[in-house]
Amino acid sequence: MDETERRIGLNEAVFREVNERLQGINEAFGEVTDRIELVCECADPECVERITMTVSDYQRLRAESDLFVIRPGHAVPTDVESVVESGGDWEIVRKRPGAPARLAEATDRSS
């Protein structure tokens, strides 16, 4: 894994952690609306775009450490990740096997 791929992975891990910290607040509102608001987990450290998804979609996403939720068009055009699902204002990307996936797992505090 080169330095760019490593930086991309670490940036996405930071946004994943932000969303996990927001999860408690979101779950309280999600019980009423079945929707939660998240921060885009893309590789751009300047991105602060919001994503809204269902609680069940978010729980399914967090079940696998190599998955991240991003705004459409924010996927990195490298061998680091690929879009595996789309849902309106969000896409789910999966880290490619090898170093990107290992870094995603190593930085997942919930696993």
N, C-alpha and C. Protein backbone atom coordinates (compact mmCIF):
# COMPACT_ATOMS: atom_id res chain seq x y z
N MET A 1 0.86 -1.16 0.00
CA MET A 1 0.00 0.00 0.00
C MET A 1 0.91 1.23 0.00
N ASP A 2 0.64 2.14 -0.93
CA ASP A 2 1.45 3.35 -0.97
C ASP A 2 0.91 4.39 0.02
N GLU A 3 1.61 5.51 0.15
CA GLU A 3 1.25 6.53 1.13
C GLU A 3 -0.12 7.15 0.85
N THR A 4 -0.46 7.32 -0.43
CA THR A 4 -1.77 7.88 -0.78
C THR A 4 -2.89 6.96 -0.33
N GLU A 5 -2.74 5.67 -0.59
CA GLU A 5 -3.76 4.70 -0.17
C GLU A 5 -3.87 4.67 1.34
N ARG A 6 -2.76 4.76 2.04
CA ARG A 6 -2.77 4.77 3.50
C ARG A 6 -3.50 6.00 4.03
N ARG A 7 -3.21 7.17 3.45
CA ARG A 7 -3.86 8.41 3.87
C ARG A 7 -5.36 8.35 3.63
N ILE A 8 -5.77 7.81 2.48
CA ILE A 8 -7.18 7.66 2.16
C ILE A 8 -7.86 6.80 3.22
N GLY A 9 -7.25 5.69 3.54
CA GLY A 9 -7.82 4.78 4.54
C GLY A 9 -7.94 5.42 5.91
N LEU A 10 -6.93 6.15 6.31
CA LEU A 10 -6.96 6.80 7.62
C LEU A 10 -8.00 7.92 7.67
N ASN A 11 -8.13 8.69 6.59
CA ASN A 11 -9.16 9.74 6.55
C ASN A 11 -10.55 9.13 6.69
N GLU A 12 -10.81 8.06 5.96
CA GLU A 12 -12.12 7.42 6.02
C GLU A 12 -12.38 6.85 7.41
N ALA A 13 -11.35 6.32 8.04
CA ALA A 13 -11.50 5.77 9.38
C ALA A 13 -11.89 6.86 10.39
N VAL A 14 -11.34 8.05 10.23
CA VAL A 14 -11.69 9.16 11.12
C VAL A 14 -13.17 9.49 10.99
N PHE A 15 -13.68 9.57 9.75
CA PHE A 15 -15.09 9.88 9.55
C PHE A 15 -15.99 8.76 10.07
N ARG A 16 -15.54 7.51 9.93
CA ARG A 16 -16.31 6.39 10.48
C ARG A 16 -16.42 6.55 11.99
N GLU A 17 -15.34 6.93 12.64
CA GLU A 17 -15.35 7.10 14.09
C GLU A 17 -16.29 8.24 14.50
N VAL A 18 -16.29 9.32 13.75
CA VAL A 18 -17.22 10.42 14.02
C VAL A 18 -18.66 9.91 13.97
N ASN A 19 -18.98 9.16 12.94
CA ASN A 19 -20.34 8.63 12.81
C ASN A 19 -20.68 7.65 13.93
N GLU A 20 -19.73 6.85 14.36
CA GLU A 20 -20.00 5.92 15.46
C GLU A 20 -20.27 6.68 16.75
N ARG A 21 -19.59 7.81 16.95
CA ARG A 21 -19.84 8.61 18.15
C ARG A 21 -21.20 9.29 18.08
N LEU A 22 -21.62 9.63 16.88
CA LEU A 22 -22.94 10.24 16.70
C LEU A 22 -24.07 9.21 16.77
N GLN A 23 -23.73 7.96 16.71
CA GLN A 23 -24.74 6.90 16.63
C GLN A 23 -25.73 6.94 17.79
N GLY A 24 -25.26 7.16 19.01
CA GLY A 24 -26.16 7.20 20.16
C GLY A 24 -27.22 8.27 20.01
N ILE A 25 -26.80 9.45 19.59
CA ILE A 25 -27.76 10.54 19.37
C ILE A 25 -28.70 10.17 18.24
N ASN A 26 -28.13 9.65 17.16
CA ASN A 26 -28.95 9.27 16.01
C ASN A 26 -29.97 8.19 16.35
N GLU A 27 -29.57 7.23 17.18
CA GLU A 27 -30.49 6.15 17.52
C GLU A 27 -31.70 6.67 18.27
N ALA A 28 -31.51 7.67 19.11
CA ALA A 28 -32.64 8.25 19.83
C ALA A 28 -33.65 8.84 18.86
N PHE A 29 -33.15 9.56 17.84
CA PHE A 29 -34.05 10.13 16.84
C PHE A 29 -34.48 9.08 15.84
N GLY A 30 -33.64 8.10 15.57
CA GLY A 30 -33.96 7.05 14.62
C GLY A 30 -35.15 6.22 15.05
N GLU A 31 -35.34 6.09 16.36
CA GLU A 31 -36.50 5.35 16.85
C GLU A 31 -37.79 6.03 16.45
N VAL A 32 -37.75 7.33 16.33
CA VAL A 32 -38.93 8.09 15.93
C VAL A 32 -39.05 8.16 14.42
N THR A 33 -37.94 8.40 13.73
CA THR A 33 -37.99 8.64 12.28
C THR A 33 -37.50 7.47 11.44
N ASP A 34 -36.80 6.51 12.02
CA ASP A 34 -36.15 5.39 11.34
C ASP A 34 -35.04 5.86 10.40
N ARG A 35 -34.58 7.09 10.57
CA ARG A 35 -33.52 7.63 9.74
C ARG A 35 -32.48 8.30 10.64
N ILE A 36 -31.23 8.24 10.21
CA ILE A 36 -30.16 8.89 10.95
C ILE A 36 -29.35 9.76 9.99
N GLU A 37 -28.74 10.78 10.55
CA GLU A 37 -27.90 11.67 9.75
C GLU A 37 -26.45 11.39 10.07
N LEU A 38 -25.64 11.29 9.01
CA LEU A 38 -24.23 10.93 9.13
C LEU A 38 -23.37 11.93 8.39
N VAL A 39 -22.08 11.85 8.63
CA VAL A 39 -21.09 12.62 7.89
C VAL A 39 -20.52 11.70 6.82
N CYS A 40 -20.32 12.23 5.62
CA CYS A 40 -19.72 11.45 4.54
C CYS A 40 -18.38 10.90 5.00
N GLU A 41 -18.13 9.62 4.76
CA GLU A 41 -16.90 8.95 5.18
C GLU A 41 -15.88 8.84 4.05
N CYS A 42 -15.93 9.77 3.10
CA CYS A 42 -15.02 9.70 1.95
C CYS A 42 -13.59 10.06 2.35
N ALA A 43 -12.70 9.95 1.39
CA ALA A 43 -11.28 10.17 1.63
C ALA A 43 -10.90 11.64 1.74
N ASP A 44 -11.78 12.54 1.35
CA ASP A 44 -11.47 13.98 1.36
C ASP A 44 -11.56 14.51 2.79
N PRO A 45 -10.44 14.91 3.39
CA PRO A 45 -10.48 15.39 4.78
C PRO A 45 -11.25 16.69 4.96
N GLU A 46 -11.54 17.40 3.88
CA GLU A 46 -12.28 18.66 3.93
C GLU A 46 -13.79 18.45 3.78
N CYS A 47 -14.22 17.25 3.39
CA CYS A 47 -15.64 16.99 3.12
C CYS A 47 -16.43 16.96 4.43
N VAL A 48 -17.52 17.69 4.45
CA VAL A 48 -18.42 17.70 5.61
C VAL A 48 -19.88 17.49 5.15
N GLU A 49 -20.04 16.89 3.98
CA GLU A 49 -21.38 16.67 3.45
C GLU A 49 -22.11 15.65 4.32
N ARG A 50 -23.42 15.81 4.39
CA ARG A 50 -24.28 14.96 5.22
C ARG A 50 -24.94 13.87 4.38
N ILE A 51 -25.22 12.79 5.05
CA ILE A 51 -25.91 11.64 4.45
C ILE A 51 -27.03 11.25 5.40
N THR A 52 -28.17 10.91 4.84
CA THR A 52 -29.28 10.39 5.64
C THR A 52 -29.57 8.98 5.16
N MET A 53 -29.66 8.04 6.11
CA MET A 53 -29.99 6.67 5.75
C MET A 53 -30.81 6.04 6.87
N THR A 54 -31.40 4.90 6.60
CA THR A 54 -32.21 4.24 7.62
C THR A 54 -31.29 3.64 8.69
N VAL A 55 -31.84 3.47 9.85
CA VAL A 55 -31.10 2.86 10.95
C VAL A 55 -30.65 1.46 10.56
N SER A 56 -31.52 0.70 9.91
CA SER A 56 -31.15 -0.68 9.54
C SER A 56 -30.03 -0.70 8.49
N ASP A 57 -30.05 0.24 7.54
CA ASP A 57 -28.95 0.31 6.57
C ASP A 57 -27.64 0.64 7.27
N TYR A 58 -27.68 1.56 8.23
CA TYR A 58 -26.47 1.92 8.96
C TYR A 58 -25.94 0.75 9.79
N GLN A 59 -26.83 0.03 10.44
CA GLN A 59 -26.40 -1.13 11.23
C GLN A 59 -25.78 -2.20 10.35
N ARG A 60 -26.36 -2.40 9.17
CA ARG A 60 -25.81 -3.37 8.22
C ARG A 60 -24.43 -2.92 7.74
N LEU A 61 -24.29 -1.63 7.48
CA LEU A 61 -23.01 -1.07 7.06
C LEU A 61 -21.94 -1.30 8.12
N ARG A 62 -22.23 -1.01 9.36
CA ARG A 62 -21.25 -1.12 10.44
C ARG A 62 -20.93 -2.55 10.81
N ALA A 63 -21.68 -3.51 10.31
CA ALA A 63 -21.40 -4.91 10.62
C ALA A 63 -20.11 -5.40 9.95
N GLU A 64 -19.62 -4.67 8.95
CA GLU A 64 -18.41 -5.07 8.24
C GLU A 64 -17.41 -3.91 8.26
N SER A 65 -16.22 -4.16 8.76
CA SER A 65 -15.24 -3.09 8.94
C SER A 65 -14.69 -2.52 7.63
N ASP A 66 -14.87 -3.22 6.52
CA ASP A 66 -14.33 -2.72 5.25
C ASP A 66 -15.34 -1.92 4.44
N LEU A 67 -16.50 -1.59 5.04
CA LEU A 67 -17.52 -0.80 4.36
C LEU A 67 -17.56 0.62 4.91
N PHE A 68 -17.76 1.59 4.01
CA PHE A 68 -17.87 3.00 4.37
C PHE A 68 -19.01 3.61 3.57
N VAL A 69 -19.68 4.62 4.13
CA VAL A 69 -20.76 5.30 3.44
C VAL A 69 -20.27 6.67 2.97
N ILE A 70 -20.55 6.98 1.71
CA ILE A 70 -20.10 8.22 1.12
C ILE A 70 -21.22 8.84 0.29
N ARG A 71 -21.06 10.11 -0.07
CA ARG A 71 -21.99 10.76 -1.01
C ARG A 71 -21.68 10.23 -2.41
N PRO A 72 -22.68 10.15 -3.28
CA PRO A 72 -22.43 9.72 -4.67
C PRO A 72 -21.36 10.59 -5.31
N GLY A 73 -20.45 9.94 -6.01
CA GLY A 73 -19.37 10.64 -6.69
C GLY A 73 -18.13 10.86 -5.84
N HIS A 74 -18.15 10.45 -4.57
CA HIS A 74 -17.01 10.66 -3.69
C HIS A 74 -16.08 9.44 -3.62
N ALA A 75 -16.36 8.39 -4.36
CA ALA A 75 -15.48 7.22 -4.35
C ALA A 75 -14.12 7.60 -4.92
N VAL A 76 -13.10 6.99 -4.40
CA VAL A 76 -11.73 7.26 -4.84
C VAL A 76 -11.45 6.44 -6.10
N PRO A 77 -11.02 7.10 -7.18
CA PRO A 77 -10.77 6.37 -8.42
C PRO A 77 -9.40 5.69 -8.42
N THR A 78 -9.23 4.76 -7.49
CA THR A 78 -7.97 4.00 -7.39
C THR A 78 -8.32 2.55 -7.14
N ASP A 79 -7.30 1.78 -6.85
CA ASP A 79 -7.52 0.38 -6.52
C ASP A 79 -7.81 0.19 -5.04
N VAL A 80 -8.22 1.24 -4.34
CA VAL A 80 -8.43 1.19 -2.90
C VAL A 80 -9.82 0.69 -2.55
N GLU A 81 -10.85 1.11 -3.31
CA GLU A 81 -12.23 0.79 -2.96
C GLU A 81 -13.09 0.71 -4.19
N SER A 82 -14.27 0.11 -4.03
CA SER A 82 -15.25 0.07 -5.11
C SER A 82 -16.64 0.24 -4.52
N VAL A 83 -17.52 0.86 -5.30
CA VAL A 83 -18.91 1.06 -4.88
C VAL A 83 -19.63 -0.27 -4.97
N VAL A 84 -20.29 -0.67 -3.86
CA VAL A 84 -20.99 -1.95 -3.85
C VAL A 84 -22.50 -1.78 -3.69
N GLU A 85 -22.96 -0.56 -3.35
CA GLU A 85 -24.39 -0.34 -3.17
C GLU A 85 -24.68 1.16 -3.25
N SER A 86 -25.84 1.50 -3.80
CA SER A 86 -26.28 2.89 -3.86
C SER A 86 -27.67 3.00 -3.26
N GLY A 87 -27.95 4.13 -2.63
CA GLY A 87 -29.26 4.32 -2.00
C GLY A 87 -29.69 5.77 -1.94
N GLY A 88 -29.94 6.39 -3.07
CA GLY A 88 -30.39 7.77 -3.06
C GLY A 88 -29.24 8.73 -2.88
N ASP A 89 -29.10 9.30 -1.67
CA ASP A 89 -28.03 10.29 -1.44
C ASP A 89 -26.77 9.67 -0.85
N TRP A 90 -26.63 8.35 -0.95
CA TRP A 90 -25.43 7.70 -0.42
C TRP A 90 -25.00 6.52 -1.29
N GLU A 91 -23.74 6.17 -1.16
CA GLU A 91 -23.17 4.96 -1.74
C GLU A 91 -22.36 4.27 -0.66
N ILE A 92 -22.30 2.96 -0.74
CA ILE A 92 -21.44 2.20 0.17
C ILE A 92 -20.26 1.70 -0.65
N VAL A 93 -19.07 1.95 -0.12
CA VAL A 93 -17.86 1.46 -0.77
C VAL A 93 -17.23 0.39 0.10
N ARG A 94 -16.62 -0.59 -0.56
CA ARG A 94 -15.91 -1.66 0.12
C ARG A 94 -14.43 -1.52 -0.21
N LYS A 95 -13.61 -1.60 0.80
CA LYS A 95 -12.16 -1.59 0.60
C LYS A 95 -11.76 -2.86 -0.13
N ARG A 96 -10.84 -2.71 -1.04
CA ARG A 96 -10.36 -3.87 -1.80
C ARG A 96 -9.56 -4.78 -0.88
N PRO A 97 -9.55 -6.08 -1.19
CA PRO A 97 -8.77 -7.03 -0.37
C PRO A 97 -7.30 -6.63 -0.33
N GLY A 98 -6.65 -7.03 0.72
CA GLY A 98 -5.24 -6.72 0.89
C GLY A 98 -5.06 -5.60 1.88
N ALA A 99 -4.08 -4.76 1.62
CA ALA A 99 -3.73 -3.70 2.56
C ALA A 99 -4.87 -2.73 2.87
N PRO A 100 -5.67 -2.26 1.87
CA PRO A 100 -6.77 -1.35 2.22
C PRO A 100 -7.78 -1.98 3.18
N ALA A 101 -8.14 -3.22 2.97
CA ALA A 101 -9.10 -3.89 3.85
C ALA A 101 -8.50 -4.13 5.24
N ARG A 102 -7.21 -4.49 5.29
CA ARG A 102 -6.56 -4.70 6.59
C ARG A 102 -6.50 -3.40 7.39
N LEU A 103 -6.22 -2.29 6.73
CA LEU A 103 -6.19 -0.99 7.42
C LEU A 103 -7.59 -0.63 7.94
N ALA A 104 -8.62 -0.88 7.14
CA ALA A 104 -9.99 -0.60 7.58
C ALA A 104 -10.33 -1.43 8.80
N GLU A 105 -9.93 -2.68 8.82
CA GLU A 105 -10.21 -3.53 9.99
C GLU A 105 -9.41 -3.08 11.20
N ALA A 106 -8.16 -2.72 11.00
CA ALA A 106 -7.31 -2.32 12.12
C ALA A 106 -7.77 -1.03 12.76
N THR A 107 -8.43 -0.16 11.99
CA THR A 107 -8.89 1.12 12.54
C THR A 107 -10.34 1.09 13.00
N ASP A 108 -10.99 -0.06 12.91
CA ASP A 108 -12.39 -0.19 13.32
C ASP A 108 -12.45 -0.46 14.80
N ARG A 109 -12.82 0.55 15.59
CA ARG A 109 -12.87 0.42 17.05
C ARG A 109 -14.02 -0.45 17.53
N SER A 110 -14.98 -0.72 16.65
CA SER A 110 -16.14 -1.51 17.08
C SER A 110 -15.89 -3.01 16.93
N SER A 111 -14.80 -3.40 16.26
CA SER A 111 -14.56 -4.84 16.07
C SER A 111 -13.61 -5.40 17.11
